[in-house]
Amino acid sequence: MRITVVEDNISLAKGISYSLEDAGHAVDLLHDGSEADAFLKSDTSDLIILDINLPGIDGLTLLKKLRKRDDPRPVILLTARAEIEDRIGGLDAGADDYLIKPFEMAELNARVRALSRRRPVPERQMQSIGQLQFDAAARQLFANNEPIEMPRRELAVFECLLSSDGRLVSKTALLDYAYGVGADVEEKVVEVYVSRIRGRLKPHGVTIKSQRGLGYQLLVDT
């Protein structure tokens, strides 16, 4: 899943991010409520982990704004407030779960798994490109009905390129999609992933074209 984490405690935010990434998730990391509000208006993450005490817009206000615009994504609230009234207030504002600091990362991951099981199973969505088919729901690439195995970071880069419909995608955008906004990863990593993906796609009439200094395009060979 793609998970947005909004937490102003930098060390805690990084700890949450590392734990979720180790569990196979992509993480977007933000530390300010106002920035998170703008980000979440166009973001397509699957789940939000939201601290209550944030600079800018506080977490409860941000949560209410999400629900007011009919954003259905599950939200786990993080707070140091243990009183029952605070928990009731958070749940009434639209939270799906509530975790009191300090907490164990194993418990946070368990709650993420529990919420993910409540998500509706998406319909099978096959997208064709060249001789390949991509099942968006299963996140699986096929050639002649045979799966092409791809590590999850490479798969994320491929997904990002595929969703651009042939438009240029910058290295920064690919990194943000694969690792989450704010991840401390060098852009050279993208070059390695693109090179590996090229090798997997080339036999099937699909290529990745690079434009120096601008980014990459996913194209069908003609």
N, C-alpha and C. Protein backbone atom coordinates (compact mmCIF):
# COMPACT_ATOMS: atom_id res chain seq x y z
N MET A 1 0.83 -1.19 0.00
CA MET A 1 0.00 0.00 0.00
C MET A 1 0.87 1.25 0.00
N ARG A 2 0.28 2.35 -0.45
CA ARG A 2 0.90 3.66 -0.29
C ARG A 2 0.29 4.31 0.94
N ILE A 3 1.13 4.75 1.85
CA ILE A 3 0.68 5.30 3.12
C ILE A 3 1.25 6.70 3.30
N THR A 4 0.39 7.65 3.65
CA THR A 4 0.83 9.00 3.97
C THR A 4 0.95 9.14 5.48
N VAL A 5 2.13 9.54 5.95
CA VAL A 5 2.38 9.74 7.38
C VAL A 5 2.55 11.23 7.63
N VAL A 6 1.74 11.78 8.53
CA VAL A 6 1.84 13.20 8.88
C VAL A 6 2.19 13.27 10.37
N GLU A 7 3.45 13.57 10.67
CA GLU A 7 3.96 13.55 12.04
C GLU A 7 5.10 14.58 12.15
N ASP A 8 5.00 15.51 13.10
CA ASP A 8 6.00 16.58 13.18
C ASP A 8 7.23 16.20 14.00
N ASN A 9 7.17 15.09 14.73
CA ASN A 9 8.36 14.60 15.43
C ASN A 9 9.21 13.85 14.40
N ILE A 10 10.32 14.47 14.00
CA ILE A 10 11.10 13.95 12.88
C ILE A 10 11.61 12.54 13.14
N SER A 11 12.16 12.30 14.33
CA SER A 11 12.71 10.98 14.62
C SER A 11 11.62 9.91 14.64
N LEU A 12 10.47 10.24 15.22
CA LEU A 12 9.36 9.28 15.23
C LEU A 12 8.85 9.05 13.82
N ALA A 13 8.73 10.12 13.04
CA ALA A 13 8.25 10.00 11.66
C ALA A 13 9.15 9.08 10.85
N LYS A 14 10.46 9.24 11.02
CA LYS A 14 11.39 8.39 10.29
C LYS A 14 11.29 6.94 10.75
N GLY A 15 11.11 6.74 12.06
CA GLY A 15 10.96 5.39 12.57
C GLY A 15 9.73 4.70 12.00
N ILE A 16 8.62 5.44 11.94
CA ILE A 16 7.39 4.89 11.36
C ILE A 16 7.60 4.56 9.89
N SER A 17 8.25 5.49 9.18
CA SER A 17 8.49 5.30 7.75
C SER A 17 9.33 4.06 7.49
N TYR A 18 10.43 3.91 8.24
CA TYR A 18 11.31 2.75 8.05
C TYR A 18 10.56 1.45 8.34
N SER A 19 9.75 1.45 9.40
CA SER A 19 9.02 0.24 9.77
C SER A 19 8.00 -0.15 8.70
N LEU A 20 7.29 0.84 8.18
CA LEU A 20 6.29 0.56 7.14
C LEU A 20 6.95 0.11 5.84
N GLU A 21 8.08 0.74 5.49
CA GLU A 21 8.79 0.34 4.27
C GLU A 21 9.33 -1.07 4.39
N ASP A 22 9.80 -1.44 5.58
CA ASP A 22 10.27 -2.81 5.80
C ASP A 22 9.14 -3.82 5.61
N ALA A 23 7.91 -3.35 5.87
CA ALA A 23 6.74 -4.23 5.70
C ALA A 23 6.23 -4.23 4.27
N GLY A 24 6.91 -3.49 3.37
CA GLY A 24 6.57 -3.52 1.96
C GLY A 24 5.73 -2.37 1.46
N HIS A 25 5.51 -1.35 2.29
CA HIS A 25 4.69 -0.22 1.88
C HIS A 25 5.55 0.92 1.34
N ALA A 26 4.94 1.76 0.49
CA ALA A 26 5.56 3.01 0.08
C ALA A 26 5.02 4.10 0.98
N VAL A 27 5.88 5.03 1.41
CA VAL A 27 5.49 6.02 2.41
C VAL A 27 5.78 7.43 1.93
N ASP A 28 4.76 8.31 2.06
CA ASP A 28 4.93 9.74 1.87
C ASP A 28 4.97 10.36 3.25
N LEU A 29 6.00 11.15 3.53
CA LEU A 29 6.25 11.66 4.87
C LEU A 29 6.11 13.18 4.88
N LEU A 30 5.21 13.70 5.73
CA LEU A 30 5.02 15.14 5.87
C LEU A 30 5.02 15.50 7.35
N HIS A 31 5.40 16.78 7.64
CA HIS A 31 5.57 17.18 9.03
C HIS A 31 4.73 18.39 9.42
N ASP A 32 3.94 18.92 8.51
CA ASP A 32 3.17 20.14 8.75
C ASP A 32 1.72 19.92 8.30
N GLY A 33 0.76 20.33 9.11
CA GLY A 33 -0.64 20.10 8.80
C GLY A 33 -1.12 20.82 7.56
N SER A 34 -0.68 22.06 7.37
CA SER A 34 -1.10 22.82 6.19
C SER A 34 -0.56 22.20 4.91
N GLU A 35 0.72 21.80 4.93
CA GLU A 35 1.31 21.14 3.76
C GLU A 35 0.60 19.82 3.49
N ALA A 36 0.28 19.10 4.55
CA ALA A 36 -0.40 17.81 4.39
C ALA A 36 -1.80 18.01 3.78
N ASP A 37 -2.49 19.05 4.19
CA ASP A 37 -3.82 19.32 3.65
C ASP A 37 -3.75 19.53 2.14
N ALA A 38 -2.78 20.32 1.69
CA ALA A 38 -2.62 20.56 0.25
C ALA A 38 -2.22 19.28 -0.47
N PHE A 39 -1.31 18.51 0.14
CA PHE A 39 -0.83 17.27 -0.47
C PHE A 39 -1.95 16.25 -0.62
N LEU A 40 -2.76 16.10 0.40
CA LEU A 40 -3.80 15.06 0.40
C LEU A 40 -4.96 15.36 -0.54
N LYS A 41 -5.06 16.59 -1.01
CA LYS A 41 -6.13 16.93 -1.95
C LYS A 41 -5.92 16.25 -3.30
N SER A 42 -4.66 15.98 -3.65
CA SER A 42 -4.39 15.35 -4.95
C SER A 42 -3.68 14.01 -4.82
N ASP A 43 -3.30 13.64 -3.62
CA ASP A 43 -2.59 12.38 -3.40
C ASP A 43 -3.54 11.20 -3.52
N THR A 44 -2.99 10.04 -3.88
CA THR A 44 -3.82 8.84 -4.04
C THR A 44 -3.36 7.70 -3.13
N SER A 45 -2.84 8.04 -1.96
CA SER A 45 -2.41 6.99 -1.04
C SER A 45 -3.61 6.19 -0.55
N ASP A 46 -3.33 5.02 0.03
CA ASP A 46 -4.38 4.11 0.46
C ASP A 46 -4.79 4.30 1.91
N LEU A 47 -3.90 4.88 2.71
CA LEU A 47 -4.15 5.00 4.15
C LEU A 47 -3.36 6.19 4.68
N ILE A 48 -3.88 6.82 5.74
CA ILE A 48 -3.23 8.00 6.32
C ILE A 48 -2.97 7.76 7.80
N ILE A 49 -1.75 8.02 8.23
CA ILE A 49 -1.40 7.99 9.65
C ILE A 49 -1.16 9.43 10.06
N LEU A 50 -1.95 9.93 11.02
CA LEU A 50 -2.05 11.36 11.26
C LEU A 50 -1.87 11.70 12.74
N ASP A 51 -0.87 12.51 13.03
CA ASP A 51 -0.67 13.01 14.38
C ASP A 51 -1.68 14.13 14.66
N ILE A 52 -2.11 14.26 15.90
CA ILE A 52 -3.08 15.32 16.23
C ILE A 52 -2.39 16.66 16.40
N ASN A 53 -1.28 16.70 17.13
CA ASN A 53 -0.59 17.96 17.40
C ASN A 53 0.40 18.28 16.29
N LEU A 54 -0.03 19.11 15.36
CA LEU A 54 0.79 19.46 14.20
C LEU A 54 0.91 20.97 14.08
N PRO A 55 2.03 21.45 13.54
CA PRO A 55 2.09 22.87 13.19
C PRO A 55 1.19 23.15 11.99
N GLY A 56 0.76 24.40 11.84
CA GLY A 56 -0.16 24.72 10.76
C GLY A 56 -1.55 24.29 11.15
N ILE A 57 -2.14 23.40 10.40
CA ILE A 57 -3.46 22.84 10.73
C ILE A 57 -3.27 21.64 11.65
N ASP A 58 -4.00 21.59 12.77
CA ASP A 58 -3.87 20.44 13.66
C ASP A 58 -4.53 19.21 13.05
N GLY A 59 -4.19 18.06 13.59
CA GLY A 59 -4.63 16.80 12.99
C GLY A 59 -6.14 16.62 12.96
N LEU A 60 -6.84 17.01 14.03
CA LEU A 60 -8.29 16.85 14.05
C LEU A 60 -8.97 17.73 13.00
N THR A 61 -8.48 18.96 12.87
CA THR A 61 -9.04 19.85 11.84
C THR A 61 -8.79 19.29 10.45
N LEU A 62 -7.57 18.78 10.24
CA LEU A 62 -7.23 18.19 8.95
C LEU A 62 -8.12 16.98 8.66
N LEU A 63 -8.36 16.16 9.67
CA LEU A 63 -9.22 14.99 9.51
C LEU A 63 -10.65 15.41 9.13
N LYS A 64 -11.16 16.44 9.80
CA LYS A 64 -12.51 16.92 9.50
C LYS A 64 -12.60 17.46 8.07
N LYS A 65 -11.52 18.12 7.61
CA LYS A 65 -11.50 18.63 6.24
C LYS A 65 -11.51 17.47 5.24
N LEU A 66 -10.78 16.40 5.56
CA LEU A 66 -10.78 15.21 4.69
C LEU A 66 -12.19 14.64 4.56
N ARG A 67 -12.85 14.47 5.67
CA ARG A 67 -14.18 13.87 5.64
C ARG A 67 -15.21 14.81 5.01
N LYS A 68 -15.01 16.11 5.18
CA LYS A 68 -15.94 17.08 4.59
C LYS A 68 -15.91 17.01 3.07
N ARG A 69 -14.73 16.70 2.51
CA ARG A 69 -14.66 16.56 1.05
C ARG A 69 -14.83 15.11 0.61
N ASP A 70 -15.43 14.32 1.49
CA ASP A 70 -15.80 12.92 1.19
C ASP A 70 -14.60 12.05 0.83
N ASP A 71 -13.47 12.30 1.48
CA ASP A 71 -12.30 11.45 1.32
C ASP A 71 -12.50 10.21 2.20
N PRO A 72 -12.63 9.02 1.60
CA PRO A 72 -12.98 7.82 2.37
C PRO A 72 -11.79 7.06 2.95
N ARG A 73 -10.58 7.53 2.68
CA ARG A 73 -9.41 6.75 3.10
C ARG A 73 -9.36 6.54 4.61
N PRO A 74 -8.98 5.33 5.04
CA PRO A 74 -8.85 5.09 6.48
C PRO A 74 -7.75 5.95 7.09
N VAL A 75 -7.99 6.41 8.33
CA VAL A 75 -7.05 7.27 9.05
C VAL A 75 -6.78 6.69 10.43
N ILE A 76 -5.50 6.54 10.74
CA ILE A 76 -5.08 6.18 12.09
C ILE A 76 -4.56 7.44 12.76
N LEU A 77 -5.17 7.85 13.88
CA LEU A 77 -4.72 9.03 14.61
C LEU A 77 -3.63 8.64 15.61
N LEU A 78 -2.61 9.49 15.70
CA LEU A 78 -1.55 9.32 16.69
C LEU A 78 -1.63 10.48 17.67
N THR A 79 -1.55 10.18 18.97
CA THR A 79 -1.62 11.26 19.95
C THR A 79 -1.03 10.82 21.28
N ALA A 80 -0.58 11.81 22.06
CA ALA A 80 -0.11 11.54 23.41
C ALA A 80 -1.26 11.66 24.40
N ARG A 81 -2.45 12.06 23.93
CA ARG A 81 -3.61 12.24 24.80
C ARG A 81 -4.30 10.89 25.04
N ALA A 82 -4.32 10.47 26.29
CA ALA A 82 -4.87 9.15 26.60
C ALA A 82 -6.28 9.19 27.14
N GLU A 83 -6.82 10.39 27.40
CA GLU A 83 -8.16 10.48 27.98
C GLU A 83 -9.21 9.94 27.03
N ILE A 84 -10.25 9.34 27.59
CA ILE A 84 -11.31 8.75 26.78
C ILE A 84 -12.02 9.80 25.93
N GLU A 85 -12.16 11.03 26.47
CA GLU A 85 -12.83 12.08 25.71
C GLU A 85 -12.06 12.41 24.44
N ASP A 86 -10.73 12.39 24.51
CA ASP A 86 -9.91 12.68 23.33
C ASP A 86 -10.08 11.60 22.28
N ARG A 87 -10.13 10.35 22.74
CA ARG A 87 -10.31 9.25 21.78
C ARG A 87 -11.68 9.31 21.11
N ILE A 88 -12.70 9.61 21.91
CA ILE A 88 -14.04 9.74 21.35
C ILE A 88 -14.09 10.88 20.34
N GLY A 89 -13.43 12.01 20.67
CA GLY A 89 -13.40 13.15 19.76
C GLY A 89 -12.74 12.81 18.44
N GLY A 90 -11.67 12.05 18.50
CA GLY A 90 -10.97 11.65 17.26
C GLY A 90 -11.80 10.73 16.40
N LEU A 91 -12.43 9.75 17.04
CA LEU A 91 -13.27 8.82 16.28
C LEU A 91 -14.50 9.52 15.71
N ASP A 92 -15.08 10.44 16.48
CA ASP A 92 -16.24 11.18 15.99
C ASP A 92 -15.87 12.10 14.83
N ALA A 93 -14.60 12.53 14.79
CA ALA A 93 -14.16 13.40 13.70
C ALA A 93 -13.95 12.62 12.41
N GLY A 94 -13.94 11.28 12.50
CA GLY A 94 -13.82 10.47 11.29
C GLY A 94 -12.65 9.53 11.26
N ALA A 95 -11.93 9.39 12.38
CA ALA A 95 -10.80 8.45 12.41
C ALA A 95 -11.30 7.01 12.41
N ASP A 96 -10.50 6.12 11.84
CA ASP A 96 -10.82 4.69 11.82
C ASP A 96 -10.15 3.94 12.96
N ASP A 97 -9.06 4.52 13.47
CA ASP A 97 -8.35 3.89 14.58
C ASP A 97 -7.58 4.97 15.32
N TYR A 98 -7.08 4.64 16.50
CA TYR A 98 -6.50 5.61 17.40
C TYR A 98 -5.35 4.94 18.14
N LEU A 99 -4.16 5.51 18.10
CA LEU A 99 -3.00 4.90 18.74
C LEU A 99 -2.35 5.93 19.66
N ILE A 100 -2.16 5.55 20.92
CA ILE A 100 -1.63 6.47 21.91
C ILE A 100 -0.11 6.32 22.02
N LYS A 101 0.60 7.44 21.97
CA LYS A 101 2.06 7.44 22.14
C LYS A 101 2.40 7.29 23.62
N PRO A 102 3.52 6.60 23.93
CA PRO A 102 4.39 5.87 22.99
C PRO A 102 3.76 4.52 22.63
N PHE A 103 4.10 4.02 21.45
CA PHE A 103 3.55 2.75 21.00
C PHE A 103 4.66 1.94 20.34
N GLU A 104 4.43 0.64 20.21
CA GLU A 104 5.37 -0.24 19.53
C GLU A 104 5.06 -0.24 18.03
N MET A 105 6.11 -0.25 17.21
CA MET A 105 5.91 -0.26 15.77
C MET A 105 5.15 -1.52 15.32
N ALA A 106 5.35 -2.61 16.05
CA ALA A 106 4.65 -3.84 15.69
C ALA A 106 3.14 -3.66 15.82
N GLU A 107 2.71 -2.88 16.83
CA GLU A 107 1.28 -2.64 16.98
C GLU A 107 0.76 -1.75 15.87
N LEU A 108 1.53 -0.72 15.49
CA LEU A 108 1.11 0.14 14.38
C LEU A 108 0.97 -0.67 13.10
N ASN A 109 1.93 -1.54 12.82
CA ASN A 109 1.86 -2.37 11.62
C ASN A 109 0.66 -3.31 11.66
N ALA A 110 0.33 -3.82 12.84
CA ALA A 110 -0.83 -4.70 12.97
C ALA A 110 -2.11 -3.94 12.68
N ARG A 111 -2.19 -2.70 13.12
CA ARG A 111 -3.38 -1.89 12.87
C ARG A 111 -3.49 -1.52 11.39
N VAL A 112 -2.35 -1.29 10.76
CA VAL A 112 -2.35 -1.03 9.31
C VAL A 112 -2.87 -2.25 8.57
N ARG A 113 -2.39 -3.43 8.96
CA ARG A 113 -2.86 -4.66 8.31
C ARG A 113 -4.36 -4.85 8.51
N ALA A 114 -4.84 -4.55 9.72
CA ALA A 114 -6.26 -4.73 10.00
C ALA A 114 -7.10 -3.80 9.13
N LEU A 115 -6.68 -2.56 8.98
CA LEU A 115 -7.44 -1.63 8.14
C LEU A 115 -7.36 -2.00 6.67
N SER A 116 -6.22 -2.53 6.25
CA SER A 116 -6.09 -2.93 4.84
C SER A 116 -7.04 -4.07 4.50
N ARG A 117 -7.34 -4.93 5.47
CA ARG A 117 -8.26 -6.04 5.21
C ARG A 117 -9.70 -5.57 5.03
N ARG A 118 -10.00 -4.36 5.50
CA ARG A 118 -11.35 -3.83 5.35
C ARG A 118 -11.58 -3.19 3.99
N ARG A 119 -10.48 -2.97 3.24
CA ARG A 119 -10.62 -2.31 1.94
C ARG A 119 -11.38 -3.22 0.98
N PRO A 120 -12.27 -2.64 0.17
CA PRO A 120 -12.98 -3.46 -0.82
C PRO A 120 -12.01 -4.02 -1.85
N VAL A 121 -12.25 -5.25 -2.29
CA VAL A 121 -11.39 -5.87 -3.30
C VAL A 121 -11.68 -5.23 -4.65
N PRO A 122 -10.69 -4.58 -5.30
CA PRO A 122 -10.96 -3.92 -6.56
C PRO A 122 -11.19 -4.91 -7.69
N GLU A 123 -11.95 -4.47 -8.65
CA GLU A 123 -12.17 -5.31 -9.82
C GLU A 123 -10.87 -5.46 -10.61
N ARG A 124 -10.79 -6.56 -11.31
CA ARG A 124 -9.60 -6.82 -12.13
C ARG A 124 -9.53 -5.79 -13.25
N GLN A 125 -8.42 -5.09 -13.32
CA GLN A 125 -8.23 -4.02 -14.29
C GLN A 125 -6.97 -4.30 -15.10
N MET A 126 -7.16 -4.79 -16.30
CA MET A 126 -6.04 -5.11 -17.16
C MET A 126 -5.74 -3.92 -18.10
N GLN A 127 -4.49 -3.55 -18.17
CA GLN A 127 -4.06 -2.49 -19.07
C GLN A 127 -3.01 -3.06 -20.00
N SER A 128 -3.18 -2.86 -21.29
CA SER A 128 -2.24 -3.40 -22.28
C SER A 128 -1.26 -2.31 -22.71
N ILE A 129 -0.01 -2.73 -22.88
CA ILE A 129 1.02 -1.85 -23.44
C ILE A 129 1.97 -2.73 -24.24
N GLY A 130 1.99 -2.53 -25.57
CA GLY A 130 2.77 -3.41 -26.42
C GLY A 130 2.25 -4.83 -26.31
N GLN A 131 3.16 -5.76 -26.06
CA GLN A 131 2.78 -7.16 -25.90
C GLN A 131 2.51 -7.54 -24.44
N LEU A 132 2.48 -6.54 -23.58
CA LEU A 132 2.34 -6.78 -22.14
C LEU A 132 0.95 -6.41 -21.64
N GLN A 133 0.56 -7.04 -20.52
CA GLN A 133 -0.66 -6.68 -19.84
C GLN A 133 -0.32 -6.46 -18.37
N PHE A 134 -0.92 -5.41 -17.79
CA PHE A 134 -0.66 -5.10 -16.39
C PHE A 134 -1.97 -5.14 -15.61
N ASP A 135 -2.00 -5.99 -14.59
CA ASP A 135 -3.15 -6.09 -13.70
C ASP A 135 -2.94 -5.10 -12.55
N ALA A 136 -3.64 -3.96 -12.62
CA ALA A 136 -3.43 -2.90 -11.65
C ALA A 136 -3.84 -3.32 -10.24
N ALA A 137 -4.90 -4.12 -10.13
CA ALA A 137 -5.39 -4.54 -8.82
C ALA A 137 -4.39 -5.48 -8.15
N ALA A 138 -3.86 -6.43 -8.90
CA ALA A 138 -2.92 -7.40 -8.35
C ALA A 138 -1.48 -6.91 -8.39
N ARG A 139 -1.27 -5.79 -9.11
CA ARG A 139 0.09 -5.23 -9.31
C ARG A 139 1.00 -6.32 -9.90
N GLN A 140 0.55 -6.89 -11.00
CA GLN A 140 1.29 -7.96 -11.66
C GLN A 140 1.36 -7.69 -13.16
N LEU A 141 2.56 -7.83 -13.71
CA LEU A 141 2.79 -7.65 -15.14
C LEU A 141 2.85 -9.01 -15.81
N PHE A 142 2.21 -9.11 -17.00
CA PHE A 142 2.15 -10.38 -17.71
C PHE A 142 2.63 -10.21 -19.15
N ALA A 143 3.23 -11.29 -19.68
CA ALA A 143 3.55 -11.40 -21.10
C ALA A 143 3.06 -12.77 -21.55
N ASN A 144 2.11 -12.76 -22.50
CA ASN A 144 1.51 -14.02 -22.97
C ASN A 144 0.95 -14.84 -21.81
N ASN A 145 0.29 -14.13 -20.88
CA ASN A 145 -0.34 -14.73 -19.70
C ASN A 145 0.64 -15.32 -18.70
N GLU A 146 1.92 -15.07 -18.91
CA GLU A 146 2.93 -15.52 -17.96
C GLU A 146 3.42 -14.32 -17.15
N PRO A 147 3.45 -14.44 -15.83
CA PRO A 147 3.86 -13.29 -15.01
C PRO A 147 5.33 -12.94 -15.19
N ILE A 148 5.62 -11.65 -15.21
CA ILE A 148 6.99 -11.15 -15.21
C ILE A 148 7.28 -10.68 -13.79
N GLU A 149 8.16 -11.38 -13.11
CA GLU A 149 8.47 -11.03 -11.73
C GLU A 149 9.34 -9.77 -11.69
N MET A 150 8.99 -8.87 -10.77
CA MET A 150 9.70 -7.60 -10.68
C MET A 150 9.73 -7.17 -9.20
N PRO A 151 10.90 -6.86 -8.65
CA PRO A 151 10.96 -6.38 -7.26
C PRO A 151 10.06 -5.15 -7.07
N ARG A 152 9.58 -4.94 -5.85
CA ARG A 152 8.54 -3.95 -5.62
C ARG A 152 8.97 -2.52 -5.96
N ARG A 153 10.23 -2.16 -5.75
CA ARG A 153 10.66 -0.80 -6.10
C ARG A 153 10.65 -0.61 -7.61
N GLU A 154 11.14 -1.62 -8.33
CA GLU A 154 11.11 -1.55 -9.79
C GLU A 154 9.66 -1.50 -10.28
N LEU A 155 8.81 -2.29 -9.66
CA LEU A 155 7.40 -2.30 -10.04
C LEU A 155 6.77 -0.92 -9.83
N ALA A 156 7.13 -0.26 -8.72
CA ALA A 156 6.59 1.07 -8.46
C ALA A 156 7.04 2.06 -9.53
N VAL A 157 8.30 1.97 -9.95
CA VAL A 157 8.80 2.85 -11.02
C VAL A 157 8.05 2.57 -12.31
N PHE A 158 7.85 1.29 -12.62
CA PHE A 158 7.10 0.92 -13.82
C PHE A 158 5.68 1.47 -13.76
N GLU A 159 5.00 1.31 -12.62
CA GLU A 159 3.64 1.82 -12.45
C GLU A 159 3.57 3.32 -12.70
N CYS A 160 4.52 4.04 -12.15
CA CYS A 160 4.54 5.49 -12.31
C CYS A 160 4.70 5.87 -13.78
N LEU A 161 5.60 5.19 -14.48
CA LEU A 161 5.80 5.46 -15.91
C LEU A 161 4.56 5.08 -16.71
N LEU A 162 3.95 3.95 -16.38
CA LEU A 162 2.77 3.50 -17.11
C LEU A 162 1.62 4.49 -16.94
N SER A 163 1.44 5.00 -15.73
CA SER A 163 0.33 5.91 -15.46
C SER A 163 0.50 7.27 -16.14
N SER A 164 1.70 7.57 -16.63
CA SER A 164 1.95 8.86 -17.28
C SER A 164 1.50 8.88 -18.73
N ASP A 165 1.10 7.71 -19.28
CA ASP A 165 0.59 7.63 -20.67
C ASP A 165 1.57 8.20 -21.69
N GLY A 166 2.83 7.85 -21.55
CA GLY A 166 3.84 8.26 -22.52
C GLY A 166 4.46 9.62 -22.26
N ARG A 167 3.99 10.33 -21.23
CA ARG A 167 4.57 11.64 -20.92
C ARG A 167 5.89 11.45 -20.15
N LEU A 168 6.71 12.48 -20.18
CA LEU A 168 7.96 12.45 -19.44
C LEU A 168 7.70 12.45 -17.94
N VAL A 169 8.48 11.64 -17.23
CA VAL A 169 8.39 11.60 -15.77
C VAL A 169 9.79 11.87 -15.23
N SER A 170 9.92 12.83 -14.34
CA SER A 170 11.22 13.19 -13.80
C SER A 170 11.73 12.13 -12.82
N LYS A 171 13.04 12.15 -12.58
CA LYS A 171 13.63 11.23 -11.61
C LYS A 171 13.04 11.47 -10.22
N THR A 172 12.82 12.74 -9.89
CA THR A 172 12.26 13.06 -8.58
C THR A 172 10.88 12.46 -8.40
N ALA A 173 10.04 12.56 -9.44
CA ALA A 173 8.69 12.01 -9.37
C ALA A 173 8.74 10.49 -9.22
N LEU A 174 9.67 9.85 -9.92
CA LEU A 174 9.80 8.39 -9.81
C LEU A 174 10.26 7.97 -8.41
N LEU A 175 11.20 8.74 -7.84
CA LEU A 175 11.66 8.46 -6.48
C LEU A 175 10.54 8.64 -5.47
N ASP A 176 9.78 9.74 -5.63
CA ASP A 176 8.67 10.00 -4.70
C ASP A 176 7.64 8.89 -4.75
N TYR A 177 7.39 8.37 -5.95
CA TYR A 177 6.40 7.30 -6.10
C TYR A 177 6.90 6.00 -5.49
N ALA A 178 8.17 5.70 -5.69
CA ALA A 178 8.72 4.42 -5.23
C ALA A 178 9.02 4.41 -3.73
N TYR A 179 9.46 5.57 -3.19
CA TYR A 179 9.89 5.61 -1.79
C TYR A 179 9.03 6.49 -0.90
N GLY A 180 8.21 7.38 -1.52
CA GLY A 180 7.45 8.33 -0.73
C GLY A 180 8.13 9.69 -0.70
N VAL A 181 7.33 10.73 -0.60
CA VAL A 181 7.86 12.09 -0.58
C VAL A 181 8.72 12.29 0.66
N GLY A 182 9.90 12.88 0.47
CA GLY A 182 10.78 13.17 1.59
C GLY A 182 11.79 12.09 1.90
N ALA A 183 11.77 10.99 1.18
CA ALA A 183 12.74 9.91 1.43
C ALA A 183 14.15 10.35 1.04
N ASP A 184 15.12 9.96 1.85
CA ASP A 184 16.51 10.35 1.61
C ASP A 184 17.18 9.29 0.72
N VAL A 185 16.92 9.40 -0.58
CA VAL A 185 17.44 8.43 -1.55
C VAL A 185 18.03 9.19 -2.73
N GLU A 186 19.20 8.80 -3.19
CA GLU A 186 19.85 9.48 -4.30
C GLU A 186 19.16 9.17 -5.63
N GLU A 187 19.15 10.16 -6.53
CA GLU A 187 18.49 9.99 -7.83
C GLU A 187 19.15 8.91 -8.68
N LYS A 188 20.42 8.60 -8.40
CA LYS A 188 21.11 7.57 -9.18
C LYS A 188 20.41 6.21 -9.05
N VAL A 189 19.69 6.02 -7.95
CA VAL A 189 18.97 4.77 -7.76
C VAL A 189 17.97 4.55 -8.89
N VAL A 190 17.35 5.65 -9.35
CA VAL A 190 16.37 5.55 -10.43
C VAL A 190 17.03 5.00 -11.69
N GLU A 191 18.24 5.45 -11.98
CA GLU A 191 18.94 5.00 -13.18
C GLU A 191 19.14 3.48 -13.14
N VAL A 192 19.45 2.96 -11.96
CA VAL A 192 19.65 1.51 -11.80
C VAL A 192 18.33 0.78 -12.06
N TYR A 193 17.26 1.27 -11.45
CA TYR A 193 15.95 0.63 -11.64
C TYR A 193 15.52 0.66 -13.10
N VAL A 194 15.68 1.81 -13.73
CA VAL A 194 15.26 1.96 -15.13
C VAL A 194 16.04 1.00 -16.02
N SER A 195 17.33 0.86 -15.76
CA SER A 195 18.15 -0.05 -16.55
C SER A 195 17.65 -1.49 -16.42
N ARG A 196 17.31 -1.89 -15.20
CA ARG A 196 16.82 -3.26 -14.98
C ARG A 196 15.45 -3.47 -15.63
N ILE A 197 14.58 -2.47 -15.49
CA ILE A 197 13.24 -2.59 -16.08
C ILE A 197 13.34 -2.66 -17.60
N ARG A 198 14.22 -1.87 -18.20
CA ARG A 198 14.43 -1.92 -19.65
C ARG A 198 14.71 -3.34 -20.10
N GLY A 199 15.60 -4.01 -19.36
CA GLY A 199 15.97 -5.37 -19.73
C GLY A 199 14.79 -6.32 -19.68
N ARG A 200 13.86 -6.09 -18.74
CA ARG A 200 12.69 -6.96 -18.62
C ARG A 200 11.66 -6.68 -19.73
N LEU A 201 11.57 -5.42 -20.16
CA LEU A 201 10.53 -5.03 -21.11
C LEU A 201 10.94 -5.18 -22.57
N LYS A 202 12.23 -5.05 -22.85
CA LYS A 202 12.71 -5.02 -24.24
C LYS A 202 12.25 -6.20 -25.09
N PRO A 203 12.27 -7.44 -24.58
CA PRO A 203 11.83 -8.57 -25.42
C PRO A 203 10.36 -8.52 -25.79
N HIS A 204 9.61 -7.61 -25.18
CA HIS A 204 8.16 -7.59 -25.38
C HIS A 204 7.68 -6.31 -26.07
N GLY A 205 8.59 -5.64 -26.76
CA GLY A 205 8.20 -4.49 -27.58
C GLY A 205 7.92 -3.22 -26.82
N VAL A 206 8.46 -3.08 -25.62
CA VAL A 206 8.26 -1.88 -24.80
C VAL A 206 9.62 -1.37 -24.37
N THR A 207 9.79 -0.05 -24.40
CA THR A 207 11.08 0.52 -24.05
C THR A 207 10.89 1.73 -23.14
N ILE A 208 11.94 2.11 -22.46
CA ILE A 208 11.95 3.33 -21.66
C ILE A 208 12.95 4.28 -22.30
N LYS A 209 12.47 5.40 -22.78
CA LYS A 209 13.32 6.40 -23.42
C LYS A 209 13.71 7.46 -22.40
N SER A 210 15.00 7.79 -22.38
CA SER A 210 15.47 8.83 -21.45
C SER A 210 15.76 10.11 -22.20
N GLN A 211 15.43 11.22 -21.58
CA GLN A 211 15.78 12.53 -22.11
C GLN A 211 16.63 13.22 -21.05
N ARG A 212 17.88 13.44 -21.37
CA ARG A 212 18.87 13.92 -20.40
C ARG A 212 18.39 15.18 -19.68
N GLY A 213 18.40 15.10 -18.37
CA GLY A 213 18.03 16.25 -17.56
C GLY A 213 16.53 16.45 -17.40
N LEU A 214 15.72 15.66 -18.11
CA LEU A 214 14.27 15.84 -18.06
C LEU A 214 13.55 14.66 -17.43
N GLY A 215 13.93 13.44 -17.83
CA GLY A 215 13.27 12.29 -17.25
C GLY A 215 13.13 11.14 -18.21
N TYR A 216 12.10 10.32 -18.02
CA TYR A 216 11.92 9.09 -18.79
C TYR A 216 10.50 8.97 -19.33
N GLN A 217 10.36 8.25 -20.44
CA GLN A 217 9.06 7.94 -21.05
C GLN A 217 8.95 6.45 -21.28
N LEU A 218 7.78 5.90 -21.03
CA LEU A 218 7.50 4.51 -21.35
C LEU A 218 6.79 4.46 -22.69
N LEU A 219 7.42 3.79 -23.67
CA LEU A 219 6.91 3.81 -25.06
C LEU A 219 6.85 2.41 -25.64
N VAL A 220 5.95 2.23 -26.61
CA VAL A 220 5.85 0.97 -27.35
C VAL A 220 6.73 1.08 -28.58
N ASP A 221 7.55 0.07 -28.83
CA ASP A 221 8.42 0.06 -30.01
C ASP A 221 7.59 0.06 -31.28
N THR A 222 8.04 0.82 -32.28
CA THR A 222 7.34 0.86 -33.57
C THR A 222 8.24 0.32 -34.68
